[in-house]
Amino acid sequence: MKATAVTVCLPVRDLDAAIAWYRSALSLAEPVQVPVEGLVEFDLGPFWLQLTHDPEQAGQAGITVAVSVEDAAAERAALADKGLTVSEVQRFEGAVDFFEFTDPDGNVLGFVTELT
């Protein structure tokens, strides 16, 4: 199999609040699509981020999104400057720099930079 795109769907309790939070945290424009009521999509280039109104599933353990970026430390600083609580950057020598943070619904997001 060779995938051509990836879509990640995160359940949230309050869709309007989640849209505002993600737009602010990740500097996103308005959602690109609203395919059905209660579901919005953001085009982040290499993948699509969906937010879906699903209060019962929001923040359940097991869902983690890891986004590859050029400079995890710079992304961490930008998120911290916005007042978000982010972990310290962890370095796994010869592999990656990585940090994570949690959205208001308890979904975990991580940013990773591969070290070469």
N, C-alpha and C. Protein backbone atom coordinates (compact mmCIF):
# COMPACT_ATOMS: atom_id res chain seq x y z
N MET A 1 0.84 -1.18 0.00
CA MET A 1 0.00 0.00 0.00
C MET A 1 0.88 1.24 0.00
N LYS A 2 0.48 2.22 -0.77
CA LYS A 2 1.16 3.51 -0.76
C LYS A 2 0.08 4.57 -0.62
N ALA A 3 -0.01 5.16 0.57
CA ALA A 3 -1.04 6.17 0.85
C ALA A 3 -0.70 7.46 0.13
N THR A 4 -1.74 8.17 -0.29
CA THR A 4 -1.53 9.46 -0.95
C THR A 4 -1.93 10.62 -0.05
N ALA A 5 -2.65 10.33 1.02
CA ALA A 5 -3.03 11.36 1.98
C ALA A 5 -3.47 10.68 3.27
N VAL A 6 -3.50 11.45 4.33
CA VAL A 6 -3.95 10.95 5.63
C VAL A 6 -4.94 11.96 6.20
N THR A 7 -6.01 11.45 6.78
CA THR A 7 -6.98 12.29 7.47
C THR A 7 -7.06 11.82 8.91
N VAL A 8 -6.92 12.76 9.84
CA VAL A 8 -7.01 12.47 11.27
C VAL A 8 -8.27 13.14 11.78
N CYS A 9 -9.10 12.38 12.47
CA CYS A 9 -10.35 12.92 12.99
C CYS A 9 -10.33 12.89 14.51
N LEU A 10 -10.53 14.05 15.13
CA LEU A 10 -10.53 14.16 16.58
C LEU A 10 -11.93 14.49 17.09
N PRO A 11 -12.41 13.71 18.05
CA PRO A 11 -13.72 14.01 18.64
C PRO A 11 -13.60 15.15 19.65
N VAL A 12 -14.59 16.04 19.64
CA VAL A 12 -14.59 17.19 20.55
C VAL A 12 -15.97 17.35 21.17
N ARG A 13 -16.00 17.99 22.34
CA ARG A 13 -17.27 18.21 23.03
C ARG A 13 -18.06 19.38 22.44
N ASP A 14 -17.37 20.46 22.11
CA ASP A 14 -18.02 21.68 21.61
C ASP A 14 -17.31 22.05 20.31
N LEU A 15 -17.96 21.81 19.19
CA LEU A 15 -17.31 21.99 17.89
C LEU A 15 -16.89 23.44 17.65
N ASP A 16 -17.75 24.41 17.96
CA ASP A 16 -17.39 25.81 17.73
C ASP A 16 -16.18 26.22 18.58
N ALA A 17 -16.16 25.80 19.83
CA ALA A 17 -15.02 26.11 20.70
C ALA A 17 -13.75 25.44 20.19
N ALA A 18 -13.87 24.20 19.73
CA ALA A 18 -12.70 23.48 19.21
C ALA A 18 -12.17 24.13 17.94
N ILE A 19 -13.06 24.57 17.06
CA ILE A 19 -12.63 25.25 15.84
C ILE A 19 -11.83 26.50 16.22
N ALA A 20 -12.35 27.28 17.14
CA ALA A 20 -11.66 28.51 17.57
C ALA A 20 -10.30 28.18 18.18
N TRP A 21 -10.25 27.14 19.02
CA TRP A 21 -9.00 26.77 19.68
C TRP A 21 -7.96 26.32 18.66
N TYR A 22 -8.33 25.44 17.76
CA TYR A 22 -7.38 24.94 16.76
C TYR A 22 -6.94 26.05 15.81
N ARG A 23 -7.86 26.93 15.42
CA ARG A 23 -7.48 28.04 14.55
C ARG A 23 -6.44 28.91 15.24
N SER A 24 -6.65 29.20 16.53
CA SER A 24 -5.71 30.02 17.27
C SER A 24 -4.39 29.29 17.52
N ALA A 25 -4.48 28.07 18.02
CA ALA A 25 -3.27 27.33 18.40
C ALA A 25 -2.38 27.03 17.19
N LEU A 26 -2.97 26.64 16.08
CA LEU A 26 -2.18 26.23 14.92
C LEU A 26 -2.17 27.27 13.81
N SER A 27 -2.68 28.47 14.09
CA SER A 27 -2.72 29.56 13.10
C SER A 27 -3.39 29.12 11.80
N LEU A 28 -4.57 28.53 11.93
CA LEU A 28 -5.31 28.03 10.78
C LEU A 28 -6.36 29.03 10.32
N ALA A 29 -6.70 28.96 9.05
CA ALA A 29 -7.82 29.73 8.51
C ALA A 29 -9.11 28.99 8.87
N GLU A 30 -10.21 29.48 8.34
CA GLU A 30 -11.49 28.78 8.55
C GLU A 30 -11.39 27.36 8.01
N PRO A 31 -12.21 26.44 8.51
CA PRO A 31 -12.22 25.09 7.94
C PRO A 31 -12.47 25.15 6.43
N VAL A 32 -11.81 24.26 5.71
CA VAL A 32 -11.92 24.21 4.26
C VAL A 32 -13.26 23.59 3.84
N GLN A 33 -13.70 22.60 4.62
CA GLN A 33 -14.93 21.90 4.26
C GLN A 33 -15.77 21.61 5.49
N VAL A 34 -17.06 21.54 5.28
CA VAL A 34 -18.01 21.06 6.29
C VAL A 34 -18.85 20.01 5.56
N PRO A 35 -18.30 18.77 5.46
CA PRO A 35 -18.97 17.76 4.64
C PRO A 35 -20.34 17.34 5.14
N VAL A 36 -20.51 17.32 6.44
CA VAL A 36 -21.80 17.00 7.06
C VAL A 36 -21.90 17.81 8.35
N GLU A 37 -23.10 17.97 8.84
CA GLU A 37 -23.29 18.70 10.09
C GLU A 37 -22.50 18.02 11.21
N GLY A 38 -21.78 18.81 11.98
CA GLY A 38 -21.01 18.29 13.10
C GLY A 38 -19.62 17.82 12.75
N LEU A 39 -19.14 18.10 11.53
CA LEU A 39 -17.81 17.69 11.08
C LEU A 39 -17.20 18.79 10.24
N VAL A 40 -15.99 19.22 10.59
CA VAL A 40 -15.28 20.22 9.80
C VAL A 40 -13.91 19.67 9.43
N GLU A 41 -13.35 20.20 8.34
CA GLU A 41 -12.05 19.73 7.87
C GLU A 41 -11.12 20.91 7.60
N PHE A 42 -9.88 20.75 8.06
CA PHE A 42 -8.81 21.70 7.78
C PHE A 42 -7.80 20.98 6.89
N ASP A 43 -7.33 21.65 5.84
CA ASP A 43 -6.29 21.10 4.97
C ASP A 43 -4.95 21.61 5.48
N LEU A 44 -4.15 20.72 6.07
CA LEU A 44 -2.85 21.10 6.60
C LEU A 44 -1.72 20.71 5.66
N GLY A 45 -2.03 20.53 4.40
CA GLY A 45 -1.00 20.19 3.42
C GLY A 45 -0.78 18.69 3.34
N PRO A 46 0.12 18.15 4.15
CA PRO A 46 0.38 16.71 4.06
C PRO A 46 -0.73 15.85 4.68
N PHE A 47 -1.63 16.47 5.42
CA PHE A 47 -2.75 15.71 5.96
C PHE A 47 -3.93 16.62 6.23
N TRP A 48 -5.09 15.99 6.40
CA TRP A 48 -6.32 16.70 6.73
C TRP A 48 -6.62 16.47 8.20
N LEU A 49 -7.05 17.53 8.87
CA LEU A 49 -7.48 17.44 10.26
C LEU A 49 -8.98 17.65 10.30
N GLN A 50 -9.69 16.65 10.82
CA GLN A 50 -11.13 16.75 11.00
C GLN A 50 -11.43 16.91 12.48
N LEU A 51 -12.40 17.73 12.78
CA LEU A 51 -12.95 17.84 14.13
C LEU A 51 -14.41 17.42 14.03
N THR A 52 -14.81 16.52 14.91
CA THR A 52 -16.18 16.05 14.88
C THR A 52 -16.83 16.18 16.25
N HIS A 53 -18.06 16.65 16.26
CA HIS A 53 -18.80 16.80 17.51
C HIS A 53 -19.18 15.40 18.00
N ASP A 54 -18.48 14.96 19.06
CA ASP A 54 -18.71 13.63 19.64
C ASP A 54 -18.31 13.68 21.11
N PRO A 55 -19.15 14.30 21.96
CA PRO A 55 -18.79 14.51 23.36
C PRO A 55 -18.42 13.23 24.11
N GLU A 56 -19.04 12.12 23.78
CA GLU A 56 -18.77 10.88 24.51
C GLU A 56 -17.37 10.33 24.23
N GLN A 57 -16.81 10.61 23.06
CA GLN A 57 -15.49 10.09 22.69
C GLN A 57 -14.36 11.11 22.89
N ALA A 58 -14.70 12.36 23.13
CA ALA A 58 -13.68 13.41 23.23
C ALA A 58 -12.66 13.09 24.32
N GLY A 59 -11.41 13.17 23.96
CA GLY A 59 -10.32 13.00 24.91
C GLY A 59 -10.06 11.59 25.38
N GLN A 60 -10.66 10.61 24.76
CA GLN A 60 -10.42 9.22 25.17
C GLN A 60 -8.98 8.84 24.89
N ALA A 61 -8.39 8.09 25.79
CA ALA A 61 -7.00 7.66 25.64
C ALA A 61 -6.83 6.85 24.36
N GLY A 62 -5.66 6.95 23.78
CA GLY A 62 -5.36 6.16 22.60
C GLY A 62 -5.28 6.98 21.33
N ILE A 63 -5.82 8.17 21.34
CA ILE A 63 -5.73 9.03 20.16
C ILE A 63 -4.62 10.04 20.38
N THR A 64 -3.59 9.95 19.57
CA THR A 64 -2.50 10.92 19.60
C THR A 64 -2.16 11.27 18.16
N VAL A 65 -2.01 12.54 17.89
CA VAL A 65 -1.63 13.02 16.56
C VAL A 65 -0.21 13.54 16.66
N ALA A 66 0.69 13.02 15.83
CA ALA A 66 2.06 13.52 15.78
C ALA A 66 2.28 14.17 14.42
N VAL A 67 2.68 15.42 14.44
CA VAL A 67 2.88 16.19 13.22
C VAL A 67 4.37 16.46 13.04
N SER A 68 4.89 16.08 11.88
CA SER A 68 6.31 16.34 11.59
C SER A 68 6.47 17.79 11.14
N VAL A 69 7.45 18.47 11.73
CA VAL A 69 7.74 19.86 11.40
C VAL A 69 9.24 20.04 11.26
N GLU A 70 9.65 21.16 10.66
CA GLU A 70 11.07 21.40 10.46
C GLU A 70 11.81 21.66 11.77
N ASP A 71 11.16 22.34 12.74
CA ASP A 71 11.83 22.73 13.98
C ASP A 71 10.85 22.64 15.15
N ALA A 72 10.87 21.50 15.83
CA ALA A 72 9.95 21.28 16.95
C ALA A 72 10.13 22.32 18.04
N ALA A 73 11.36 22.71 18.33
CA ALA A 73 11.61 23.69 19.38
C ALA A 73 10.97 25.03 19.04
N ALA A 74 11.05 25.45 17.79
CA ALA A 74 10.44 26.72 17.37
C ALA A 74 8.92 26.63 17.46
N GLU A 75 8.34 25.51 17.05
CA GLU A 75 6.89 25.33 17.15
C GLU A 75 6.45 25.34 18.61
N ARG A 76 7.23 24.71 19.47
CA ARG A 76 6.93 24.69 20.90
C ARG A 76 6.91 26.11 21.45
N ALA A 77 7.93 26.89 21.09
CA ALA A 77 8.02 28.27 21.57
C ALA A 77 6.82 29.09 21.08
N ALA A 78 6.41 28.89 19.83
CA ALA A 78 5.27 29.63 19.29
C ALA A 78 3.98 29.28 20.04
N LEU A 79 3.79 28.01 20.34
CA LEU A 79 2.59 27.59 21.08
C LEU A 79 2.63 28.11 22.51
N ALA A 80 3.79 28.05 23.14
CA ALA A 80 3.94 28.57 24.51
C ALA A 80 3.67 30.07 24.54
N ASP A 81 4.13 30.79 23.50
CA ASP A 81 3.89 32.23 23.41
C ASP A 81 2.40 32.55 23.33
N LYS A 82 1.61 31.59 22.83
CA LYS A 82 0.16 31.77 22.75
C LYS A 82 -0.53 31.41 24.07
N GLY A 83 0.28 31.02 25.07
CA GLY A 83 -0.27 30.70 26.37
C GLY A 83 -0.67 29.25 26.55
N LEU A 84 -0.33 28.40 25.59
CA LEU A 84 -0.67 26.98 25.71
C LEU A 84 0.34 26.26 26.59
N THR A 85 -0.11 25.27 27.30
CA THR A 85 0.76 24.44 28.12
C THR A 85 1.33 23.34 27.25
N VAL A 86 2.64 23.34 27.10
CA VAL A 86 3.33 22.36 26.26
C VAL A 86 4.42 21.68 27.07
N SER A 87 4.71 20.43 26.74
CA SER A 87 5.79 19.72 27.42
C SER A 87 7.13 20.29 26.96
N GLU A 88 8.17 19.93 27.66
CA GLU A 88 9.52 20.27 27.21
C GLU A 88 9.83 19.46 25.96
N VAL A 89 10.75 19.96 25.14
CA VAL A 89 11.20 19.20 23.99
C VAL A 89 12.08 18.06 24.49
N GLN A 90 11.74 16.87 24.09
CA GLN A 90 12.55 15.70 24.43
C GLN A 90 13.38 15.34 23.22
N ARG A 91 14.66 15.09 23.44
CA ARG A 91 15.54 14.71 22.33
C ARG A 91 15.89 13.24 22.48
N PHE A 92 15.66 12.52 21.41
CA PHE A 92 16.08 11.13 21.33
C PHE A 92 17.21 11.13 20.31
N GLU A 93 18.45 11.15 20.82
CA GLU A 93 19.64 11.34 19.99
C GLU A 93 19.63 10.44 18.77
N GLY A 94 19.94 11.04 17.63
CA GLY A 94 19.99 10.32 16.38
C GLY A 94 18.63 9.97 15.82
N ALA A 95 17.56 10.39 16.51
CA ALA A 95 16.22 10.04 16.04
C ALA A 95 15.35 11.28 15.87
N VAL A 96 14.82 11.82 16.99
CA VAL A 96 13.87 12.93 16.89
C VAL A 96 13.95 13.87 18.08
N ASP A 97 13.46 15.10 17.86
CA ASP A 97 13.05 16.02 18.93
C ASP A 97 11.53 15.95 18.95
N PHE A 98 10.93 15.96 20.15
CA PHE A 98 9.49 15.76 20.25
C PHE A 98 8.95 16.50 21.46
N PHE A 99 7.77 17.10 21.30
CA PHE A 99 7.02 17.64 22.44
C PHE A 99 5.55 17.41 22.18
N GLU A 100 4.76 17.54 23.23
CA GLU A 100 3.33 17.35 23.06
C GLU A 100 2.54 18.33 23.90
N PHE A 101 1.27 18.46 23.56
CA PHE A 101 0.34 19.28 24.31
C PHE A 101 -1.05 18.69 24.14
N THR A 102 -1.98 19.15 24.92
CA THR A 102 -3.33 18.60 24.94
C THR A 102 -4.34 19.68 24.60
N ASP A 103 -5.30 19.33 23.75
CA ASP A 103 -6.35 20.30 23.43
C ASP A 103 -7.36 20.36 24.58
N PRO A 104 -8.28 21.28 24.58
CA PRO A 104 -9.23 21.42 25.69
C PRO A 104 -10.11 20.18 25.92
N ASP A 105 -10.19 19.27 24.93
CA ASP A 105 -10.99 18.06 25.08
C ASP A 105 -10.17 16.87 25.54
N GLY A 106 -8.86 17.05 25.72
CA GLY A 106 -8.01 15.96 26.18
C GLY A 106 -7.34 15.17 25.07
N ASN A 107 -7.48 15.60 23.82
CA ASN A 107 -6.78 14.95 22.71
C ASN A 107 -5.32 15.39 22.73
N VAL A 108 -4.40 14.44 22.57
CA VAL A 108 -2.97 14.74 22.65
C VAL A 108 -2.42 14.98 21.25
N LEU A 109 -1.68 16.08 21.12
CA LEU A 109 -1.01 16.40 19.86
C LEU A 109 0.48 16.51 20.14
N GLY A 110 1.26 16.02 19.23
CA GLY A 110 2.71 16.11 19.35
C GLY A 110 3.32 16.68 18.10
N PHE A 111 4.44 17.35 18.26
CA PHE A 111 5.20 17.83 17.10
C PHE A 111 6.55 17.16 17.17
N VAL A 112 7.03 16.71 16.04
CA VAL A 112 8.27 15.95 15.97
C VAL A 112 9.15 16.45 14.83
N THR A 113 10.46 16.52 15.10
CA THR A 113 11.44 16.84 14.06
C THR A 113 12.42 15.69 13.98
N GLU A 114 12.54 15.12 12.81
CA GLU A 114 13.49 14.04 12.63
C GLU A 114 14.90 14.62 12.60
N LEU A 115 15.81 13.97 13.33
CA LEU A 115 17.21 14.38 13.37
C LEU A 115 18.00 13.54 12.39
N THR A 116 18.79 14.21 11.61
CA THR A 116 19.58 13.45 10.62
C THR A 116 21.03 13.45 10.97
